[in-house]
PDB file of N, CA and C in Angstrom:
ATOM      1  N   MET A   1     117.160 120.017 118.627  1.00  0.00           N
ATOM      2  CA  MET A   1     117.620 118.690 118.267  1.00  0.00           C
ATOM      3  C   MET A   1     116.472 117.938 117.605  1.00  0.00           C
ATOM      4  N   PRO A   2     116.687 117.285 116.467  1.00  0.00           N
ATOM      5  CA  PRO A   2     115.598 116.583 115.783  1.00  0.00           C
ATOM      6  C   PRO A   2     115.069 115.421 116.621  1.00  0.00           C
ATOM      7  N   MET A   3     113.784 115.183 116.473  1.00  0.00           N
ATOM      8  CA  MET A   3     113.132 114.099 117.201  1.00  0.00           C
ATOM      9  C   MET A   3     113.592 112.769 116.615  1.00  0.00           C
ATOM     10  N   ARG A   4     113.973 111.855 117.505  1.00  0.00           N
ATOM     11  CA  ARG A   4     114.374 110.535 117.039  1.00  0.00           C
ATOM     12  C   ARG A   4     113.159 109.788 116.507  1.00  0.00           C
ATOM     13  N   ARG A   5     113.408 108.880 115.574  1.00  0.00           N
ATOM     14  CA  ARG A   5     112.325 108.124 114.927  1.00  0.00           C
ATOM     15  C   ARG A   5     111.479 107.389 115.952  1.00  0.00           C
ATOM     16  N   ARG A   6     112.093 106.727 116.908  1.00  0.00           N
ATOM     17  CA  ARG A   6     111.350 105.970 117.908  1.00  0.00           C
ATOM     18  C   ARG A   6     110.454 106.903 118.739  1.00  0.00           C
ATOM     19  N   ASP A   7     111.006 108.039 119.136  1.00  0.00           N
ATOM     20  CA  ASP A   7     110.218 109.004 119.899  1.00  0.00           C
ATOM     21  C   ASP A   7     109.049 109.520 119.079  1.00  0.00           C
ATOM     22  N   PHE A   8     109.315 109.781 117.811  1.00  0.00           N
ATOM     23  CA  PHE A   8     108.272 110.275 116.920  1.00  0.00           C
ATOM     24  C   PHE A   8     107.152 109.253 116.773  1.00  0.00           C
ATOM     25  N   LEU A   9     107.525 107.988 116.512  1.00  0.00           N
ATOM     26  CA  LEU A   9     106.510 106.951 116.333  1.00  0.00           C
ATOM     27  C   LEU A   9     105.740 106.701 117.619  1.00  0.00           C
ATOM     28  N   ALA A  10     106.413 106.758 118.761  1.00  0.00           N
ATOM     29  CA  ALA A  10     105.717 106.585 120.042  1.00  0.00           C
ATOM     30  C   ALA A  10     104.711 107.713 120.248  1.00  0.00           C
ATOM     31  N   ARG A  11     105.117 108.923 119.941  1.00  0.00           N
ATOM     32  CA  ARG A  11     104.214 110.072 120.079  1.00  0.00           C
ATOM     33  C   ARG A  11     103.024 109.950 119.128  1.00  0.00           C
ATOM     34  N   LEU A  12     103.301 109.580 117.873  1.00  0.00           N
ATOM     35  CA  LEU A  12     102.241 109.413 116.877  1.00  0.00           C
ATOM     36  C   LEU A  12     101.277 108.322 117.312  1.00  0.00           C
ATOM     37  N   THR A  13     101.815 107.198 117.783  1.00  0.00           N
ATOM     38  CA  THR A  13     100.972 106.091 118.231  1.00  0.00           C
ATOM     39  C   THR A  13     100.071 106.545 119.362  1.00  0.00           C
ATOM     40  N   GLY A  14     100.633 107.255 120.323  1.00  0.00           N
ATOM     41  CA  GLY A  14      99.841 107.747 121.446  1.00  0.00           C
ATOM     42  C   GLY A  14      98.723 108.674 121.008  1.00  0.00           C
ATOM     43  N   LEU A  15      99.029 109.576 120.097  1.00  0.00           N
ATOM     44  CA  LEU A  15      98.017 110.518 119.622  1.00  0.00           C
ATOM     45  C   LEU A  15      96.912 109.816 118.847  1.00  0.00           C
ATOM     46  N   LEU A  16      97.291 108.896 117.986  1.00  0.00           N
ATOM     47  CA  LEU A  16      96.296 108.234 117.155  1.00  0.00           C
ATOM     48  C   LEU A  16      95.480 107.209 117.926  1.00  0.00           C
ATOM     49  N   CYS A  17      96.109 106.545 118.891  1.00  0.00           N
ATOM     50  CA  CYS A  17      95.360 105.564 119.670  1.00  0.00           C
ATOM     51  C   CYS A  17      94.346 106.237 120.589  1.00  0.00           C
ATOM     52  N   ALA A  18      94.574 107.497 120.871  1.00  0.00           N
ATOM     53  CA  ALA A  18      93.611 108.234 121.676  1.00  0.00           C
ATOM     54  C   ALA A  18      92.320 108.459 120.890  1.00  0.00           C
ATOM     55  N   LEU A  19      92.403 108.377 119.582  1.00  0.00           N
ATOM     56  CA  LEU A  19      91.237 108.541 118.724  1.00  0.00           C
ATOM     57  C   LEU A  19      90.494 107.224 118.643  1.00  0.00           C
ATOM     58  N   PRO A  20      89.244 107.188 119.040  1.00  0.00           N
ATOM     59  CA  PRO A  20      88.518 105.914 118.970  1.00  0.00           C
ATOM     60  C   PRO A  20      88.300 105.484 117.533  1.00  0.00           C
ATOM     61  N   LEU A  21      88.215 104.184 117.352  1.00  0.00           N
ATOM     62  CA  LEU A  21      87.957 103.653 116.019  1.00  0.00           C
ATOM     63  C   LEU A  21      86.594 104.091 115.514  1.00  0.00           C
ATOM     64  N   ALA A  22      85.743 104.536 116.392  1.00  0.00           N
ATOM     65  CA  ALA A  22      84.435 105.027 115.971  1.00  0.00           C
ATOM     66  C   ALA A  22      84.577 106.202 115.015  1.00  0.00           C
ATOM     67  N   ALA A  23      85.731 106.855 115.033  1.00  0.00           N
ATOM     68  CA  ALA A  23      85.948 107.972 114.120  1.00  0.00           C
ATOM     69  C   ALA A  23      86.099 107.501 112.682  1.00  0.00           C
ATOM     70  N   LEU A  24      86.387 106.215 112.494  1.00  0.00           N
ATOM     71  CA  LEU A  24      86.440 105.695 111.131  1.00  0.00           C
ATOM     72  C   LEU A  24      85.017 105.597 110.602  1.00  0.00           C
ATOM     73  N   PRO A  25      84.746 106.183 109.474  1.00  0.00           N
ATOM     74  CA  PRO A  25      83.386 106.114 108.939  1.00  0.00           C
ATOM     75  C   PRO A  25      83.011 104.686 108.589  1.00  0.00           C
ATOM     76  N   THR A  26      81.747 104.403 108.683  1.00  0.00           N
ATOM     77  CA  THR A  26      81.274 103.080 108.315  1.00  0.00           C
ATOM     78  C   THR A  26      80.593 103.153 106.962  1.00  0.00           C
ATOM     79  N   VAL A  27      80.570 102.056 106.280  1.00  0.00           N
ATOM     80  CA  VAL A  27      79.938 101.977 104.977  1.00  0.00           C
ATOM     81  C   VAL A  27      78.524 101.454 105.186  1.00  0.00           C
ATOM     82  N   ALA A  28      77.562 102.158 104.640  1.00  0.00           N
ATOM     83  CA  ALA A  28      76.164 101.752 104.785  1.00  0.00           C
ATOM     84  C   ALA A  28      75.834 100.707 103.731  1.00  0.00           C
ATOM     85  N   HIS A  29      76.232  99.499 103.996  1.00  0.00           N
ATOM     86  CA  HIS A  29      76.006  98.382 103.088  1.00  0.00           C
ATOM     87  C   HIS A  29      75.435  97.229 103.879  1.00  0.00           C
ATOM     88  N   ALA A  30      75.027  96.221 103.155  1.00  0.00           N
ATOM     89  CA  ALA A  30      74.519  95.024 103.800  1.00  0.00           C
ATOM     90  C   ALA A  30      75.606  94.385 104.652  1.00  0.00           C
ATOM     91  N   GLN A  31      76.861  94.557 104.275  1.00  0.00           N
ATOM     92  CA  GLN A  31      77.950  93.968 105.024  1.00  0.00           C
ATOM     93  C   GLN A  31      78.889  95.048 105.540  1.00  0.00           C
ATOM     94  N   SER A  32      79.141  95.011 106.832  1.00  0.00           N
ATOM     95  CA  SER A  32      80.082  95.936 107.431  1.00  0.00           C
ATOM     96  C   SER A  32      81.471  95.315 107.411  1.00  0.00           C
ATOM     97  N   ALA A  33      82.461  96.101 107.795  1.00  0.00           N
ATOM     98  CA  ALA A  33      83.813  95.565 107.899  1.00  0.00           C
ATOM     99  C   ALA A  33      83.829  94.392 108.871  1.00  0.00           C
ATOM    100  N   GLU A  34      83.099  94.518 109.964  1.00  0.00           N
ATOM    101  CA  GLU A  34      83.034  93.429 110.942  1.00  0.00           C
ATOM    102  C   GLU A  34      82.413  92.180 110.326  1.00  0.00           C
ATOM    103  N   ASP A  35      81.341  92.353 109.559  1.00  0.00           N
ATOM    104  CA  ASP A  35      80.703  91.211 108.883  1.00  0.00           C
ATOM    105  C   ASP A  35      81.692  90.530 107.947  1.00  0.00           C
ATOM    106  N   LEU A  36      82.440  91.324 107.191  1.00  0.00           N
ATOM    107  CA  LEU A  36      83.399  90.776 106.231  1.00  0.00           C
ATOM    108  C   LEU A  36      84.522  90.028 106.933  1.00  0.00           C
ATOM    109  N   ARG A  37      84.987  90.594 108.056  1.00  0.00           N
ATOM    110  CA  ARG A  37      86.030  89.908 108.827  1.00  0.00           C
ATOM    111  C   ARG A  37      85.495  88.610 109.417  1.00  0.00           C
ATOM    112  N   ARG A  38      84.316  88.675 110.006  1.00  0.00           N
ATOM    113  CA  ARG A  38      83.716  87.508 110.661  1.00  0.00           C
ATOM    114  C   ARG A  38      83.510  86.361 109.673  1.00  0.00           C
ATOM    115  N   SER A  39      83.073  86.689 108.469  1.00  0.00           N
ATOM    116  CA  SER A  39      82.798  85.668 107.456  1.00  0.00           C
ATOM    117  C   SER A  39      84.063  85.155 106.767  1.00  0.00           C
ATOM    118  N   GLY A  40      85.160  85.894 106.921  1.00  0.00           N
ATOM    119  CA  GLY A  40      86.400  85.511 106.247  1.00  0.00           C
ATOM    120  C   GLY A  40      86.466  85.988 104.807  1.00  0.00           C
ATOM    121  N   GLN A  41      85.465  86.760 104.359  1.00  0.00           N
ATOM    122  CA  GLN A  41      85.461  87.260 102.982  1.00  0.00           C
ATOM    123  C   GLN A  41      86.521  88.333 102.757  1.00  0.00           C
ATOM    124  N   ALA A  42      86.928  88.976 103.846  1.00  0.00           N
ATOM    125  CA  ALA A  42      87.980  89.993 103.783  1.00  0.00           C
ATOM    126  C   ALA A  42      88.767  89.925 105.079  1.00  0.00           C
ATOM    127  N   GLY A  43      89.984  90.405 105.012  1.00  0.00           N
ATOM    128  CA  GLY A  43      90.827  90.439 106.194  1.00  0.00           C
ATOM    129  C   GLY A  43      91.457  91.807 106.339  1.00  0.00           C
ATOM    130  N   GLU A  44      92.180  91.965 107.414  1.00  0.00           N
ATOM    131  CA  GLU A  44      92.866  93.225 107.683  1.00  0.00           C
ATOM    132  C   GLU A  44      94.326  93.090 107.307  1.00  0.00           C
ATOM    133  N   ARG A  45      94.883  94.202 106.859  1.00  0.00           N
ATOM    134  CA  ARG A  45      96.298  94.222 106.497  1.00  0.00           C
ATOM    135  C   ARG A  45      97.090  95.041 107.508  1.00  0.00           C
ATOM    136  N   PHE A  46      98.373  94.847 107.504  1.00  0.00           N
ATOM    137  CA  PHE A  46      99.322  95.537 108.371  1.00  0.00           C
ATOM    138  C   PHE A  46      99.329  97.054 108.166  1.00  0.00           C
ATOM    139  N   ASP A  47      98.794  97.513 107.038  1.00  0.00           N
ATOM    140  CA  ASP A  47      98.872  98.932 106.695  1.00  0.00           C
ATOM    141  C   ASP A  47      97.579  99.703 106.932  1.00  0.00           C
ATOM    142  N   GLY A  48      96.606  99.054 107.590  1.00  0.00           N
ATOM    143  CA  GLY A  48      95.374  99.757 107.930  1.00  0.00           C
ATOM    144  C   GLY A  48      94.252  99.626 106.924  1.00  0.00           C
ATOM    145  N   TYR A  49      94.443  98.826 105.903  1.00  0.00           N
ATOM    146  CA  TYR A  49      93.420  98.631 104.891  1.00  0.00           C
ATOM    147  C   TYR A  49      92.928  97.189 104.920  1.00  0.00           C
ATOM    148  N   MET A  50      91.712  97.004 104.423  1.00  0.00           N
ATOM    149  CA  MET A  50      91.160  95.657 104.295  1.00  0.00           C
ATOM    150  C   MET A  50      91.649  95.064 102.985  1.00  0.00           C
ATOM    151  N   GLU A  51      91.632  93.742 102.934  1.00  0.00           N
ATOM    152  CA  GLU A  51      91.964  93.062 101.689  1.00  0.00           C
ATOM    153  C   GLU A  51      90.913  91.993 101.424  1.00  0.00           C
ATOM    154  N   VAL A  52      90.519  91.917 100.174  1.00  0.00           N
ATOM    155  CA  VAL A  52      89.526  90.950  99.725  1.00  0.00           C
ATOM    156  C   VAL A  52      90.096  89.543  99.815  1.00  0.00           C
ATOM    157  N   ARG A  53      89.282  88.627 100.329  1.00  0.00           N
ATOM    158  CA  ARG A  53      89.632  87.200 100.307  1.00  0.00           C
ATOM    159  C   ARG A  53      88.665  86.452  99.401  1.00  0.00           C
ATOM    160  N   GLU A  54      87.518  87.061  99.116  1.00  0.00           N
ATOM    161  CA  GLU A  54      86.538  86.531  98.162  1.00  0.00           C
ATOM    162  C   GLU A  54      86.137  87.669  97.238  1.00  0.00           C
ATOM    163  N   SER A  55      86.277  87.468  95.954  1.00  0.00           N
ATOM    164  CA  SER A  55      86.078  88.546  94.982  1.00  0.00           C
ATOM    165  C   SER A  55      84.687  89.161  95.010  1.00  0.00           C
ATOM    166  N   SER A  56      83.702  88.459  95.521  1.00  0.00           N
ATOM    167  CA  SER A  56      82.328  88.979  95.531  1.00  0.00           C
ATOM    168  C   SER A  56      82.165  90.226  96.399  1.00  0.00           C
ATOM    169  N   VAL A  57      83.113  90.494  97.277  1.00  0.00           N
ATOM    170  CA  VAL A  57      82.992  91.659  98.166  1.00  0.00           C
ATOM    171  C   VAL A  57      83.977  92.772  97.811  1.00  0.00           C
ATOM    172  N   ALA A  58      84.571  92.696  96.642  1.00  0.00           N
ATOM    173  CA  ALA A  58      85.592  93.664  96.236  1.00  0.00           C
ATOM    174  C   ALA A  58      85.079  95.100  96.262  1.00  0.00           C
ATOM    175  N   GLY A  59      83.861  95.328  95.815  1.00  0.00           N
ATOM    176  CA  GLY A  59      83.316  96.685  95.793  1.00  0.00           C
ATOM    177  C   GLY A  59      83.143  97.274  97.181  1.00  0.00           C
ATOM    178  N   VAL A  60      82.641  96.468  98.103  1.00  0.00           N
ATOM    179  CA  VAL A  60      82.450  96.932  99.485  1.00  0.00           C
ATOM    180  C   VAL A  60      83.800  97.228 100.121  1.00  0.00           C
ATOM    181  N   VAL A  61      84.758  96.344  99.932  1.00  0.00           N
ATOM    182  CA  VAL A  61      86.091  96.544 100.501  1.00  0.00           C
ATOM    183  C   VAL A  61      86.733  97.801  99.915  1.00  0.00           C
ATOM    184  N   ALA A  62      86.568  98.044  98.638  1.00  0.00           N
ATOM    185  CA  ALA A  62      87.118  99.253  98.007  1.00  0.00           C
ATOM    186  C   ALA A  62      86.520 100.509  98.634  1.00  0.00           C
ATOM    187  N   GLN A  63      85.226 100.482  98.936  1.00  0.00           N
ATOM    188  CA  GLN A  63      84.591 101.643  99.563  1.00  0.00           C
ATOM    189  C   GLN A  63      85.075 101.830 100.999  1.00  0.00           C
ATOM    190  N   ILE A  64      85.201 100.754 101.734  1.00  0.00           N
ATOM    191  CA  ILE A  64      85.723 100.841 103.105  1.00  0.00           C
ATOM    192  C   ILE A  64      87.129 101.422 103.077  1.00  0.00           C
ATOM    193  N   ASN A  65      87.962 100.923 102.164  1.00  0.00           N
ATOM    194  CA  ASN A  65      89.334 101.414 102.070  1.00  0.00           C
ATOM    195  C   ASN A  65      89.400 102.875 101.646  1.00  0.00           C
ATOM    196  N   ALA A  66      88.511 103.304 100.774  1.00  0.00           N
ATOM    197  CA  ALA A  66      88.487 104.711 100.362  1.00  0.00           C
ATOM    198  C   ALA A  66      88.153 105.608 101.551  1.00  0.00           C
ATOM    199  N   GLN A  67      87.208 105.177 102.367  1.00  0.00           N
ATOM    200  CA  GLN A  67      86.854 105.957 103.549  1.00  0.00           C
ATOM    201  C   GLN A  67      87.991 105.967 104.563  1.00  0.00           C
ATOM    202  N   ARG A  68      88.635 104.841 104.748  1.00  0.00           N
ATOM    203  CA  ARG A  68      89.781 104.798 105.659  1.00  0.00           C
ATOM    204  C   ARG A  68      90.879 105.717 105.152  1.00  0.00           C
ATOM    205  N   ARG A  69      91.153 105.684 103.841  1.00  0.00           N
ATOM    206  CA  ARG A  69      92.199 106.518 103.257  1.00  0.00           C
ATOM    207  C   ARG A  69      91.930 107.994 103.540  1.00  0.00           C
ATOM    208  N   GLU A  70      90.674 108.413 103.457  1.00  0.00           N
ATOM    209  CA  GLU A  70      90.329 109.809 103.758  1.00  0.00           C
ATOM    210  C   GLU A  70      90.685 110.158 105.200  1.00  0.00           C
ATOM    211  N   VAL A  71      90.339 109.274 106.124  1.00  0.00           N
ATOM    212  CA  VAL A  71      90.651 109.494 107.536  1.00  0.00           C
ATOM    213  C   VAL A  71      92.162 109.563 107.731  1.00  0.00           C
ATOM    214  N   TYR A  72      92.885 108.629 107.131  1.00  0.00           N
ATOM    215  CA  TYR A  72      94.341 108.583 107.282  1.00  0.00           C
ATOM    216  C   TYR A  72      94.983 109.843 106.697  1.00  0.00           C
ATOM    217  N   GLN A  73      94.488 110.299 105.557  1.00  0.00           N
ATOM    218  CA  GLN A  73      95.046 111.504 104.944  1.00  0.00           C
ATOM    219  C   GLN A  73      94.818 112.725 105.830  1.00  0.00           C
ATOM    220  N   ARG A  74      93.629 112.820 106.393  1.00  0.00           N
ATOM    221  CA  ARG A  74      93.323 113.942 107.292  1.00  0.00           C
ATOM    222  C   ARG A  74      94.237 113.916 108.511  1.00  0.00           C
ATOM    223  N   ARG A  75      94.365 112.754 109.134  1.00  0.00           N
ATOM    224  CA  ARG A  75      95.218 112.609 110.315  1.00  0.00           C
ATOM    225  C   ARG A  75      96.681 112.885 109.973  1.00  0.00           C
ATOM    226  N   ALA A  76      97.125 112.413 108.843  1.00  0.00           N
ATOM    227  CA  ALA A  76      98.515 112.626 108.436  1.00  0.00           C
ATOM    228  C   ALA A  76      98.797 114.113 108.273  1.00  0.00           C
ATOM    229  N   GLN A  77      97.875 114.806 107.660  1.00  0.00           N
ATOM    230  CA  GLN A  77      98.046 116.241 107.469  1.00  0.00           C
ATOM    231  C   GLN A  77      98.048 116.966 108.806  1.00  0.00           C
ATOM    232  N   GLU A  78      97.150 116.594 109.708  1.00  0.00           N
ATOM    233  CA  GLU A  78      97.079 117.218 111.027  1.00  0.00           C
ATOM    234  C   GLU A  78      98.348 116.981 111.836  1.00  0.00           C
ATOM    235  N   GLN A  79      98.917 115.787 111.716  1.00  0.00           N
ATOM    236  CA  GLN A  79     100.084 115.406 112.510  1.00  0.00           C
ATOM    237  C   GLN A  79     101.409 115.684 111.818  1.00  0.00           C
ATOM    238  N   GLY A  80     101.354 116.005 110.535  1.00  0.00           N
ATOM    239  CA  GLY A  80     102.586 116.272 109.796  1.00  0.00           C
ATOM    240  C   GLY A  80     103.411 115.021 109.554  1.00  0.00           C
ATOM    241  N   VAL A  81     102.718 113.910 109.316  1.00  0.00           N
ATOM    242  CA  VAL A  81     103.389 112.631 109.066  1.00  0.00           C
ATOM    243  C   VAL A  81     102.837 112.040 107.772  1.00  0.00           C
ATOM    244  N   SER A  82     103.373 110.895 107.382  1.00  0.00           N
ATOM    245  CA  SER A  82     102.914 110.277 106.145  1.00  0.00           C
ATOM    246  C   SER A  82     101.617 109.495 106.355  1.00  0.00           C
ATOM    247  N   VAL A  83     100.867 109.344 105.295  1.00  0.00           N
ATOM    248  CA  VAL A  83      99.635 108.559 105.324  1.00  0.00           C
ATOM    249  C   VAL A  83      99.957 107.113 105.696  1.00  0.00           C
ATOM    250  N   ASP A  84     101.067 106.599 105.201  1.00  0.00           N
ATOM    251  CA  ASP A  84     101.469 105.227 105.518  1.00  0.00           C
ATOM    252  C   ASP A  84     101.674 105.033 107.018  1.00  0.00           C
ATOM    253  N   GLN A  85     102.313 106.010 107.661  1.00  0.00           N
ATOM    254  CA  GLN A  85     102.531 105.901 109.100  1.00  0.00           C
ATOM    255  C   GLN A  85     101.202 105.872 109.851  1.00  0.00           C
ATOM    256  N   VAL A  86     100.288 106.722 109.456  1.00  0.00           N
ATOM    257  CA  VAL A  86      98.983 106.762 110.108  1.00  0.00           C
ATOM    258  C   VAL A  86      98.255 105.435 109.898  1.00  0.00           C
ATOM    259  N   GLY A  87      98.261 104.914 108.680  1.00  0.00           N
ATOM    260  CA  GLY A  87      97.602 103.648 108.399  1.00  0.00           C
ATOM    261  C   GLY A  87      98.140 102.521 109.246  1.00  0.00           C
ATOM    262  N   ARG A  88      99.438 102.475 109.419  1.00  0.00           N
ATOM    263  CA  ARG A  88     100.047 101.405 110.214  1.00  0.00           C
ATOM    264  C   ARG A  88      99.658 101.507 111.693  1.00  0.00           C
ATOM    265  N   VAL A  89      99.556 102.724 112.192  1.00  0.00           N
ATOM    266  CA  VAL A  89      99.138 102.894 113.588  1.00  0.00           C
ATOM    267  C   VAL A  89      97.677 102.465 113.749  1.00  0.00           C
ATOM    268  N   PHE A  90      96.839 102.893 112.834  1.00  0.00           N
ATOM    269  CA  PHE A  90      95.435 102.475 112.885  1.00  0.00           C
ATOM    270  C   PHE A  90      95.322 100.960 112.744  1.00  0.00           C
ATOM    271  N   ALA A  91      96.153 100.362 111.893  1.00  0.00           N
ATOM    272  CA  ALA A  91      96.113  98.908 111.698  1.00  0.00           C
ATOM    273  C   ALA A  91      96.330  98.178 113.011  1.00  0.00           C
ATOM    274  N   GLN A  92      97.266  98.650 113.808  1.00  0.00           N
ATOM    275  CA  GLN A  92      97.533  98.010 115.096  1.00  0.00           C
ATOM    276  C   GLN A  92      96.280  97.995 115.957  1.00  0.00           C
ATOM    277  N   GLU A  93      95.577  99.092 115.984  1.00  0.00           N
ATOM    278  CA  GLU A  93      94.367  99.182 116.808  1.00  0.00           C
ATOM    279  C   GLU A  93      93.221  98.367 116.212  1.00  0.00           C
ATOM    280  N   ILE A  94      93.059  98.420 114.911  1.00  0.00           N
ATOM    281  CA  ILE A  94      92.018  97.630 114.248  1.00  0.00           C
ATOM    282  C   ILE A  94      92.237  96.150 114.516  1.00  0.00           C
ATOM    283  N   ILE A  95      93.463  95.707 114.350  1.00  0.00           N
ATOM    284  CA  ILE A  95      93.782  94.289 114.548  1.00  0.00           C
ATOM    285  C   ILE A  95      93.629  93.910 116.017  1.00  0.00           C
ATOM    286  N   ARG A  96      94.042  94.785 116.903  1.00  0.00           N
ATOM    287  CA  ARG A  96      93.909  94.511 118.337  1.00  0.00           C
ATOM    288  C   ARG A  96      92.450  94.297 118.719  1.00  0.00           C
ATOM    289  N   LYS A  97      91.562  95.101 118.139  1.00  0.00           N
ATOM    290  CA  LYS A  97      90.142  95.029 118.482  1.00  0.00           C
ATOM    291  C   LYS A  97      89.372  93.991 117.661  1.00  0.00           C
ATOM    292  N   ALA A  98      89.984  93.460 116.631  1.00  0.00           N
ATOM    293  CA  ALA A  98      89.290  92.491 115.767  1.00  0.00           C
ATOM    294  C   ALA A  98      89.028  91.199 116.534  1.00  0.00           C
ATOM    295  N   ALA A  99      87.950  90.561 116.175  1.00  0.00           N
ATOM    296  CA  ALA A  99      87.557  89.311 116.826  1.00  0.00           C
ATOM    297  C   ALA A  99      88.542  88.192 116.511  1.00  0.00           C
ATOM    298  N   SER A 100      88.587  87.237 117.409  1.00  0.00           N
ATOM    299  CA  SER A 100      89.373  86.035 117.180  1.00  0.00           C
ATOM    300  C   SER A 100      88.886  85.374 115.889  1.00  0.00           C
ATOM    301  N   GLY A 101      89.819  84.876 115.107  1.00  0.00           N
ATOM    302  CA  GLY A 101      89.471  84.253 113.831  1.00  0.00           C
ATOM    303  C   GLY A 101      89.597  85.186 112.649  1.00  0.00           C
ATOM    304  N   THR A 102      89.787  86.486 112.905  1.00  0.00           N
ATOM    305  CA  THR A 102      89.963  87.455 111.829  1.00  0.00           C
ATOM    306  C   THR A 102      91.234  87.138 111.053  1.00  0.00           C
ATOM    307  N   TRP A 103      91.139  87.200 109.731  1.00  0.00           N
ATOM    308  CA  TRP A 103      92.305  86.984 108.874  1.00  0.00           C
ATOM    309  C   TRP A 103      93.136  88.258 108.851  1.00  0.00           C
ATOM    310  N   ILE A 104      94.452  88.105 109.046  1.00  0.00           N
ATOM    311  CA  ILE A 104      95.391  89.221 109.085  1.00  0.00           C
ATOM    312  C   ILE A 104      96.502  88.938 108.078  1.00  0.00           C
ATOM    313  N   ARG A 105      96.803  89.950 107.265  1.00  0.00           N
ATOM    314  CA  ARG A 105      97.906  89.805 106.293  1.00  0.00           C
ATOM    315  C   ARG A 105      99.063  90.673 106.752  1.00  0.00           C
ATOM    316  N   ASP A 106     100.223  90.066 106.939  1.00  0.00           N
ATOM    317  CA  ASP A 106     101.385  90.811 107.421  1.00  0.00           C
ATOM    318  C   ASP A 106     102.137  91.472 106.260  1.00  0.00           C
ATOM    319  N   ALA A 107     103.170  92.212 106.599  1.00  0.00           N
ATOM    320  CA  ALA A 107     103.942  92.955 105.600  1.00  0.00           C
ATOM    321  C   ALA A 107     104.614  92.035 104.581  1.00  0.00           C
ATOM    322  N   GLY A 108     104.844  90.787 104.950  1.00  0.00           N
ATOM    323  CA  GLY A 108     105.453  89.830 104.028  1.00  0.00           C
ATOM    324  C   GLY A 108     104.450  89.159 103.100  1.00  0.00           C
ATOM    325  N   GLY A 109     103.156  89.507 103.244  1.00  0.00           N
ATOM    326  CA  GLY A 109     102.120  88.943 102.386  1.00  0.00           C
ATOM    327  C   GLY A 109     101.517  87.654 102.904  1.00  0.00           C
ATOM    328  N   ASN A 110     101.869  87.247 104.115  1.00  0.00           N
ATOM    329  CA  ASN A 110     101.370  86.011 104.691  1.00  0.00           C
ATOM    330  C   ASN A 110     100.073  86.235 105.455  1.00  0.00           C
ATOM    331  N   TRP A 111      99.127  85.350 105.247  1.00  0.00           N
ATOM    332  CA  TRP A 111      97.854  85.380 105.966  1.00  0.00           C
ATOM    333  C   TRP A 111      97.948  84.501 107.200  1.00  0.00           C
ATOM    334  N   SER A 112      97.330  84.958 108.288  1.00  0.00           N
ATOM    335  CA  SER A 112      97.173  84.145 109.492  1.00  0.00           C
ATOM    336  C   SER A 112      95.878  84.576 110.164  1.00  0.00           C
ATOM    337  N   GLN A 113      95.372  83.740 111.021  1.00  0.00           N
ATOM    338  CA  GLN A 113      94.167  84.074 111.751  1.00  0.00           C
ATOM    339  C   GLN A 113      94.519  84.481 113.167  1.00  0.00           C
ATOM    340  N   LYS A 114      93.847  85.505 113.620  1.00  0.00           N
ATOM    341  CA  LYS A 114      94.061  85.997 114.978  1.00  0.00           C
ATOM    342  C   LYS A 114      93.522  84.985 115.953  1.00  0.00           C
TER     343      LYS A 114
END
């Protein structure tokens, strides 16, 4: 019998949440993802990627997102799911662990602060 969508997503969430965020590579730059979130120059999106809020950090955010994409692609291949699904699961954990005041962009394109 095929796995129901809810069961599948619950299983995927459990497997991915078991992976610490430390597995996400960090960018060796003057500003880390945490620095960018803290300053408000970038925020987190619902899909597991950062988004620029100030154009001066676009290059750093692009590199962070490229590294995240690699992790998501690897996990998606290992789990037999889509990269989008993996990104969304990681997004939940990233946002959960983000400091208060972090800018978050939802699926509707709206920004809010945690």
